[in-house]
Protein backbone atom coordinates (compact mmCIF):
# COMPACT_ATOMS: atom_id res chain seq x y z
CA MET A 1 -108.25 79.64 -67.48
CA THR A 2 -111.84 79.17 -67.38
CA VAL A 3 -114.87 79.48 -65.29
CA THR A 4 -116.62 76.39 -64.45
CA SER A 5 -119.87 75.23 -62.64
CA ASP A 6 -118.19 72.72 -60.76
CA VAL A 7 -118.49 72.24 -57.51
CA VAL A 8 -115.56 72.31 -54.91
CA SER A 9 -115.50 71.41 -51.33
CA ILE A 10 -113.01 73.78 -49.43
CA PRO A 11 -111.90 73.84 -45.99
CA THR A 12 -113.38 77.23 -44.03
CA LYS A 13 -110.29 77.65 -43.18
CA TYR A 14 -109.21 79.24 -46.84
CA LEU A 15 -111.82 81.52 -46.66
CA HIS A 16 -110.42 83.54 -43.91
CA ASN A 17 -113.65 84.66 -42.19
CA CYS A 18 -115.33 85.47 -45.63
CA ASP A 19 -118.19 84.37 -47.06
CA PRO A 20 -118.36 81.76 -49.44
CA SER A 21 -119.86 83.95 -52.13
CA GLU A 22 -116.65 86.24 -52.27
CA PHE A 23 -114.84 83.52 -53.92
CA ALA A 24 -114.48 81.69 -57.28
CA VAL A 25 -113.04 78.97 -58.39
CA LEU A 26 -111.21 78.74 -62.09
CA THR A 27 -109.54 75.66 -64.09
CA PHE A 28 -106.29 76.75 -65.32
CA SER A 29 -105.38 75.08 -69.05
CA GLY A 30 -102.25 75.33 -70.74
CA ASP A 31 -98.76 75.58 -70.00
CA ASN A 32 -97.15 79.24 -70.03
CA LEU A 33 -97.17 79.05 -66.71
CA PHE A 34 -95.73 75.37 -65.74
CA PRO A 35 -94.54 74.27 -63.39
CA LEU A 36 -96.12 77.32 -61.52
CA TYR A 37 -99.66 76.60 -62.64
CA GLN A 38 -100.34 72.76 -64.68
CA ASP A 39 -103.13 72.20 -67.18
CA GLY A 40 -106.24 71.17 -65.24
CA ASP A 41 -105.21 73.03 -61.62
CA VAL A 42 -108.09 74.56 -59.98
CA LEU A 43 -107.27 77.85 -58.13
CA LEU A 44 -109.96 79.10 -55.09
CA ILE A 45 -109.98 83.25 -56.36
CA HIS A 46 -110.84 85.90 -53.55
CA LYS A 47 -112.70 88.37 -55.59
CA THR A 48 -111.34 91.38 -54.34
CA LYS A 49 -109.68 94.68 -56.38
CA ASP A 50 -107.48 95.17 -53.64
CA CYS A 51 -104.14 94.29 -53.94
CA THR A 52 -100.97 95.01 -53.18
CA CYS A 53 -97.60 95.77 -54.97
CA GLY A 54 -96.05 92.54 -55.69
CA GLU A 55 -99.54 90.36 -55.58
CA VAL A 56 -100.05 87.98 -57.84
CA VAL A 57 -103.77 88.49 -59.09
CA VAL A 58 -105.77 87.03 -61.69
CA LEU A 59 -107.38 89.74 -64.33
CA CYS A 60 -110.30 89.48 -66.62
CA GLU A 61 -109.72 90.61 -69.69
CA SER A 62 -111.27 88.50 -73.23
CA HIS A 63 -109.78 85.56 -71.11
CA TYR A 64 -108.19 85.11 -67.46
CA VAL A 65 -104.59 86.15 -66.78
CA ILE A 66 -102.54 85.40 -64.14
CA GLY A 67 -99.82 87.95 -63.32
CA ARG A 68 -98.22 90.30 -60.64
CA ILE A 69 -99.07 93.83 -59.82
CA THR A 70 -95.85 96.06 -59.97
CA LYS A 71 -96.54 99.91 -59.22
CA ASN A 72 -99.39 100.50 -61.89
CA PHE A 73 -98.71 98.26 -64.30
CA PHE A 74 -99.71 94.42 -64.46
CA SER A 75 -97.04 91.78 -65.57
CA PRO A 76 -98.67 88.43 -66.77
CA LEU A 77 -96.38 85.86 -65.44
CA GLY A 78 -96.28 84.12 -68.82
CA GLU A 79 -94.84 85.27 -72.31
CA SER A 80 -97.92 85.14 -74.20
CA PHE A 81 -99.48 88.70 -72.97
CA PRO A 82 -97.41 91.83 -72.78
CA PRO A 83 -97.58 94.00 -69.62
CA THR A 84 -100.44 96.71 -69.50
CA ALA A 85 -101.30 99.43 -67.24
CA GLU A 86 -104.82 99.31 -67.95
CA PHE A 87 -106.43 96.25 -66.66
CA SER A 88 -109.37 94.89 -64.51
CA ILE A 89 -108.74 93.03 -61.47
CA ILE A 90 -111.04 90.10 -60.46
CA GLY A 91 -109.45 88.91 -57.54
CA ILE A 92 -106.20 87.22 -55.70
CA PRO A 93 -105.27 83.05 -55.62
CA VAL A 94 -105.46 81.83 -52.43
CA LEU A 95 -105.74 78.35 -52.50
CA LEU A 96 -104.21 75.62 -55.74
CA LEU A 97 -105.55 72.66 -55.99
CA ARG A 98 -103.94 69.90 -58.08
CA GLU A 99 -104.44 66.21 -58.43
CA PHE A 100 -101.78 63.82 -58.71
CA GLU A 101 -102.24 60.57 -60.76
C-alpha cells in the first residue's frame, strides 16, 4: 500500500464523530490479497493503536501491511509476510473505495 496526497471525499457518517485528521487514505497495490483487496483500492484508515483480538489492522514496517491481531501476534492476510510478535499498528480500515470499470 502507498500513501498518496490525493484528496478523497468521504461521507461524514464513516468518520464516526471523529476529527478528519484522525484518518488517512492508503491506496492498495498488488494482488497478494485478491479478492479481498484489489490493486487500486483506496482504504480509509482510522489512525488508532486501539484494537481488539481478531480485528483487521494496518501496520507500518518498511511498508504498509494489512493483517489480523490474534492474541499477541500479528498475522498478515497475504502470504508474503510471516506472523510476528513485534509490530506497530497505525490504524484500522473503516472504508474500502473501489472503482468499477
